[in-house]
Amino acid sequence: MPLEIYGEYDNWRRVRDAEGAGGWIHYSLLSGVRSIVVTSSMANLHRKSNKNSMVLARIEENYIADLGECVKDWCEIDAGKYDGWIKKTDIWGVAPNEVR
């Protein structure tokens, strides 16, 4: 489950999920692998970070995927048998201005 870490104290991390629920969790229970949750009802997964590129799949709301590279408005995700680019506005787990 993707969690946002927004505080830490010693070996504890303060976290919250996409719905805002949260609390403290021991750091050893966190994987460090970045993931996202799809927040749109049906989000398009594109071949490239461009709305005019080919749509590879449509991803349902609440789908959890591994996060890859991010550019200004798009992020690359691994959604099972599909790898592609999704708009940042269709996901939770990445800051709007985050580039990686």
N, C-alpha and C. Protein backbone atom coordinates (compact mmCIF):
# COMPACT_ATOMS: atom_id res chain seq x y z
N MET A 1 0.85 -1.18 0.00
CA MET A 1 0.00 0.00 0.00
C MET A 1 0.89 1.24 0.00
N PRO A 2 0.71 2.12 -0.95
CA PRO A 2 1.50 3.36 -0.97
C PRO A 2 1.19 4.23 0.24
N LEU A 3 2.24 4.73 0.85
CA LEU A 3 2.11 5.62 2.00
C LEU A 3 3.02 6.82 1.80
N GLU A 4 2.57 7.96 2.29
CA GLU A 4 3.41 9.16 2.29
C GLU A 4 4.04 9.27 3.67
N ILE A 5 5.35 9.40 3.71
CA ILE A 5 6.05 9.63 4.97
C ILE A 5 6.19 11.13 5.14
N TYR A 6 5.66 11.66 6.24
CA TYR A 6 5.74 13.09 6.42
C TYR A 6 6.28 13.49 7.80
N GLY A 7 6.86 12.54 8.48
CA GLY A 7 7.51 12.83 9.75
C GLY A 7 8.31 11.62 10.20
N GLU A 8 9.29 11.88 11.06
CA GLU A 8 10.04 10.75 11.60
C GLU A 8 10.55 11.10 13.00
N TYR A 9 10.63 10.07 13.81
CA TYR A 9 11.18 10.18 15.15
C TYR A 9 11.89 8.88 15.45
N ASP A 10 13.22 8.95 15.58
CA ASP A 10 14.03 7.77 15.85
C ASP A 10 13.76 6.71 14.77
N ASN A 11 13.27 5.54 15.13
CA ASN A 11 12.99 4.46 14.16
C ASN A 11 11.54 4.45 13.68
N TRP A 12 10.80 5.49 13.97
CA TRP A 12 9.38 5.56 13.63
C TRP A 12 9.15 6.58 12.53
N ARG A 13 8.19 6.28 11.67
CA ARG A 13 7.82 7.18 10.57
C ARG A 13 6.33 7.50 10.68
N ARG A 14 6.02 8.77 10.52
CA ARG A 14 4.61 9.19 10.50
C ARG A 14 4.15 9.11 9.05
N VAL A 15 3.06 8.38 8.82
CA VAL A 15 2.61 8.11 7.45
C VAL A 15 1.12 8.40 7.31
N ARG A 16 0.72 8.56 6.05
CA ARG A 16 -0.71 8.67 5.71
C ARG A 16 -0.92 8.03 4.35
N ASP A 17 -2.15 7.55 4.15
CA ASP A 17 -2.49 6.92 2.86
C ASP A 17 -3.23 7.90 1.97
N ALA A 18 -3.68 7.44 0.84
CA ALA A 18 -4.35 8.29 -0.15
C ALA A 18 -5.64 8.91 0.38
N GLU A 19 -6.25 8.28 1.37
CA GLU A 19 -7.50 8.79 1.93
C GLU A 19 -7.26 9.68 3.15
N GLY A 20 -6.00 9.85 3.53
CA GLY A 20 -5.65 10.73 4.65
C GLY A 20 -5.53 10.02 5.99
N ALA A 21 -5.84 8.74 6.05
CA ALA A 21 -5.70 7.99 7.30
C ALA A 21 -4.22 7.73 7.55
N GLY A 22 -3.81 7.80 8.79
CA GLY A 22 -2.40 7.58 9.05
C GLY A 22 -2.08 7.35 10.50
N GLY A 23 -0.81 7.35 10.78
CA GLY A 23 -0.31 7.14 12.12
C GLY A 23 1.19 6.92 12.07
N TRP A 24 1.72 6.30 13.12
CA TRP A 24 3.14 6.01 13.21
C TRP A 24 3.39 4.54 12.91
N ILE A 25 4.50 4.24 12.19
CA ILE A 25 4.86 2.87 11.84
C ILE A 25 6.37 2.73 11.98
N HIS A 26 6.81 1.55 12.41
CA HIS A 26 8.24 1.30 12.54
C HIS A 26 8.86 1.23 11.15
N TYR A 27 10.03 1.86 10.99
CA TYR A 27 10.65 1.93 9.66
C TYR A 27 10.91 0.57 9.04
N SER A 28 11.11 -0.47 9.84
CA SER A 28 11.41 -1.80 9.30
C SER A 28 10.21 -2.41 8.57
N LEU A 29 9.03 -1.85 8.75
CA LEU A 29 7.84 -2.36 8.07
C LEU A 29 7.60 -1.67 6.72
N LEU A 30 8.46 -0.73 6.37
CA LEU A 30 8.36 -0.01 5.10
C LEU A 30 9.37 -0.58 4.11
N SER A 31 8.97 -0.72 2.86
CA SER A 31 9.85 -1.36 1.87
C SER A 31 10.82 -0.39 1.20
N GLY A 32 10.47 0.86 1.06
CA GLY A 32 11.30 1.80 0.33
C GLY A 32 11.03 1.81 -1.16
N VAL A 33 10.21 0.87 -1.66
CA VAL A 33 9.83 0.85 -3.08
C VAL A 33 8.71 1.85 -3.28
N ARG A 34 8.88 2.76 -4.21
CA ARG A 34 7.85 3.76 -4.46
C ARG A 34 6.71 3.16 -5.27
N SER A 35 5.50 3.45 -4.87
CA SER A 35 4.32 2.99 -5.59
C SER A 35 3.26 4.09 -5.58
N ILE A 36 2.27 3.91 -6.43
CA ILE A 36 1.19 4.90 -6.56
C ILE A 36 -0.16 4.18 -6.53
N VAL A 37 -1.22 4.97 -6.35
CA VAL A 37 -2.59 4.48 -6.45
C VAL A 37 -3.27 5.30 -7.54
N VAL A 38 -3.96 4.63 -8.43
CA VAL A 38 -4.72 5.32 -9.47
C VAL A 38 -5.98 5.90 -8.83
N THR A 39 -6.21 7.20 -9.04
CA THR A 39 -7.35 7.87 -8.42
C THR A 39 -8.48 8.19 -9.40
N SER A 40 -8.22 8.11 -10.69
CA SER A 40 -9.26 8.34 -11.70
C SER A 40 -10.02 7.04 -11.93
N SER A 41 -11.28 7.17 -12.37
CA SER A 41 -12.09 5.97 -12.57
C SER A 41 -11.50 5.04 -13.63
N MET A 42 -11.01 5.56 -14.71
CA MET A 42 -10.32 4.79 -15.74
C MET A 42 -9.24 5.71 -16.33
N ALA A 43 -7.99 5.43 -16.00
CA ALA A 43 -6.88 6.27 -16.46
C ALA A 43 -6.19 5.60 -17.64
N ASN A 44 -5.81 6.39 -18.61
CA ASN A 44 -5.09 5.87 -19.77
C ASN A 44 -3.62 5.70 -19.45
N LEU A 45 -3.08 4.57 -19.84
CA LEU A 45 -1.65 4.29 -19.74
C LEU A 45 -1.07 4.41 -21.14
N HIS A 46 -0.21 5.41 -21.34
CA HIS A 46 0.32 5.72 -22.66
C HIS A 46 1.71 5.12 -22.86
N ARG A 47 2.07 4.93 -24.12
CA ARG A 47 3.40 4.43 -24.47
C ARG A 47 4.48 5.46 -24.11
N LYS A 48 4.18 6.74 -24.30
CA LYS A 48 5.12 7.83 -24.02
C LYS A 48 4.43 8.88 -23.15
N SER A 49 5.22 9.81 -22.63
CA SER A 49 4.68 10.87 -21.78
C SER A 49 4.08 11.99 -22.64
N ASN A 50 3.05 11.63 -23.37
CA ASN A 50 2.40 12.54 -24.31
C ASN A 50 0.97 12.07 -24.51
N LYS A 51 0.01 12.96 -24.38
CA LYS A 51 -1.40 12.57 -24.50
C LYS A 51 -1.76 12.05 -25.88
N ASN A 52 -0.94 12.35 -26.89
CA ASN A 52 -1.20 11.89 -28.26
C ASN A 52 -0.54 10.54 -28.56
N SER A 53 0.22 10.01 -27.61
CA SER A 53 0.86 8.72 -27.86
C SER A 53 -0.15 7.59 -27.69
N MET A 54 0.21 6.41 -28.19
CA MET A 54 -0.68 5.26 -28.16
C MET A 54 -1.07 4.88 -26.72
N VAL A 55 -2.35 4.58 -26.52
CA VAL A 55 -2.84 4.11 -25.22
C VAL A 55 -2.62 2.60 -25.17
N LEU A 56 -1.85 2.16 -24.18
CA LEU A 56 -1.53 0.74 -24.02
C LEU A 56 -2.60 0.00 -23.23
N ALA A 57 -3.19 0.70 -22.26
CA ALA A 57 -4.19 0.07 -21.39
C ALA A 57 -4.97 1.16 -20.67
N ARG A 58 -6.10 0.74 -20.10
CA ARG A 58 -6.87 1.63 -19.24
C ARG A 58 -6.81 1.01 -17.84
N ILE A 59 -6.42 1.82 -16.88
CA ILE A 59 -6.17 1.35 -15.52
C ILE A 59 -7.32 1.79 -14.61
N GLU A 60 -7.86 0.85 -13.85
CA GLU A 60 -9.00 1.13 -12.97
C GLU A 60 -8.58 1.90 -11.72
N GLU A 61 -9.54 2.59 -11.15
CA GLU A 61 -9.35 3.31 -9.89
C GLU A 61 -8.92 2.34 -8.80
N ASN A 62 -8.05 2.79 -7.91
CA ASN A 62 -7.50 2.05 -6.77
C ASN A 62 -6.46 1.00 -7.14
N TYR A 63 -6.07 0.93 -8.41
CA TYR A 63 -5.00 0.02 -8.81
C TYR A 63 -3.69 0.53 -8.24
N ILE A 64 -2.87 -0.37 -7.70
CA ILE A 64 -1.58 -0.01 -7.13
C ILE A 64 -0.50 -0.46 -8.09
N ALA A 65 0.42 0.45 -8.42
CA ALA A 65 1.49 0.15 -9.37
C ALA A 65 2.82 0.68 -8.84
N ASP A 66 3.91 0.08 -9.31
CA ASP A 66 5.25 0.55 -8.96
C ASP A 66 5.57 1.80 -9.76
N LEU A 67 6.22 2.74 -9.10
CA LEU A 67 6.56 4.02 -9.72
C LEU A 67 7.95 3.98 -10.32
N GLY A 68 8.07 4.54 -11.51
CA GLY A 68 9.37 4.66 -12.18
C GLY A 68 9.75 6.13 -12.27
N GLU A 69 10.13 6.54 -13.44
CA GLU A 69 10.55 7.90 -13.71
C GLU A 69 9.36 8.85 -13.71
N CYS A 70 9.57 10.11 -13.32
CA CYS A 70 8.54 11.14 -13.42
C CYS A 70 9.12 12.38 -14.08
N VAL A 71 8.33 12.98 -14.95
CA VAL A 71 8.66 14.26 -15.57
C VAL A 71 7.60 15.26 -15.13
N LYS A 72 7.56 16.41 -15.72
CA LYS A 72 6.68 17.49 -15.26
C LYS A 72 5.24 17.04 -14.99
N ASP A 73 4.56 16.47 -15.94
CA ASP A 73 3.14 16.14 -15.81
C ASP A 73 2.83 14.65 -15.87
N TRP A 74 3.85 13.80 -16.03
CA TRP A 74 3.66 12.37 -16.25
C TRP A 74 4.57 11.54 -15.37
N CYS A 75 4.14 10.31 -15.10
CA CYS A 75 4.98 9.34 -14.41
C CYS A 75 4.92 8.01 -15.13
N GLU A 76 6.05 7.33 -15.15
CA GLU A 76 6.13 5.99 -15.72
C GLU A 76 5.78 5.01 -14.60
N ILE A 77 4.93 4.03 -14.91
CA ILE A 77 4.55 3.03 -13.91
C ILE A 77 4.67 1.63 -14.49
N ASP A 78 4.80 0.68 -13.59
CA ASP A 78 4.79 -0.74 -13.95
C ASP A 78 3.46 -1.28 -13.44
N ALA A 79 2.54 -1.53 -14.36
CA ALA A 79 1.20 -2.00 -14.02
C ALA A 79 1.02 -3.44 -14.49
N GLY A 80 1.70 -4.34 -13.82
CA GLY A 80 1.59 -5.75 -14.20
C GLY A 80 2.27 -6.02 -15.52
N LYS A 81 1.52 -6.46 -16.52
CA LYS A 81 2.11 -6.76 -17.82
C LYS A 81 2.25 -5.52 -18.70
N TYR A 82 1.87 -4.37 -18.19
CA TYR A 82 1.98 -3.12 -18.95
C TYR A 82 2.91 -2.15 -18.22
N ASP A 83 3.83 -1.56 -18.99
CA ASP A 83 4.66 -0.46 -18.51
C ASP A 83 4.36 0.72 -19.40
N GLY A 84 4.10 1.87 -18.79
CA GLY A 84 3.80 3.04 -19.59
C GLY A 84 3.73 4.28 -18.74
N TRP A 85 3.21 5.31 -19.34
CA TRP A 85 3.16 6.64 -18.73
C TRP A 85 1.71 7.02 -18.41
N ILE A 86 1.53 7.63 -17.24
CA ILE A 86 0.21 8.04 -16.78
C ILE A 86 0.30 9.48 -16.29
N LYS A 87 -0.76 10.24 -16.46
CA LYS A 87 -0.78 11.63 -16.00
C LYS A 87 -0.71 11.68 -14.48
N LYS A 88 0.03 12.64 -13.96
CA LYS A 88 0.13 12.81 -12.51
C LYS A 88 -1.23 13.12 -11.89
N THR A 89 -2.10 13.76 -12.63
CA THR A 89 -3.42 14.11 -12.11
C THR A 89 -4.31 12.88 -11.92
N ASP A 90 -3.91 11.73 -12.46
CA ASP A 90 -4.68 10.49 -12.34
C ASP A 90 -4.18 9.57 -11.23
N ILE A 91 -3.16 10.02 -10.48
CA ILE A 91 -2.57 9.15 -9.47
C ILE A 91 -2.34 9.88 -8.15
N TRP A 92 -2.16 9.09 -7.08
CA TRP A 92 -1.74 9.61 -5.78
C TRP A 92 -0.44 8.90 -5.41
N GLY A 93 0.49 9.67 -4.85
CA GLY A 93 1.75 9.09 -4.41
C GLY A 93 2.95 9.85 -4.94
N VAL A 94 2.70 10.89 -5.71
CA VAL A 94 3.76 11.72 -6.27
C VAL A 94 3.34 13.18 -6.11
N ALA A 95 4.27 14.01 -5.67
CA ALA A 95 3.99 15.45 -5.55
C ALA A 95 3.83 16.06 -6.94
N PRO A 96 2.97 17.06 -7.09
CA PRO A 96 2.72 17.64 -8.41
C PRO A 96 3.99 18.14 -9.11
N ASN A 97 4.96 18.63 -8.35
CA ASN A 97 6.17 19.18 -8.95
C ASN A 97 7.36 18.20 -8.87
N GLU A 98 7.11 16.96 -8.48
CA GLU A 98 8.20 15.98 -8.32
C GLU A 98 8.69 15.46 -9.66
N VAL A 99 10.01 15.45 -9.80
CA VAL A 99 10.67 14.90 -10.98
C VAL A 99 11.68 13.89 -10.47
N ARG A 100 11.70 12.71 -11.08
CA ARG A 100 12.66 11.68 -10.64
C ARG A 100 13.16 10.86 -11.80
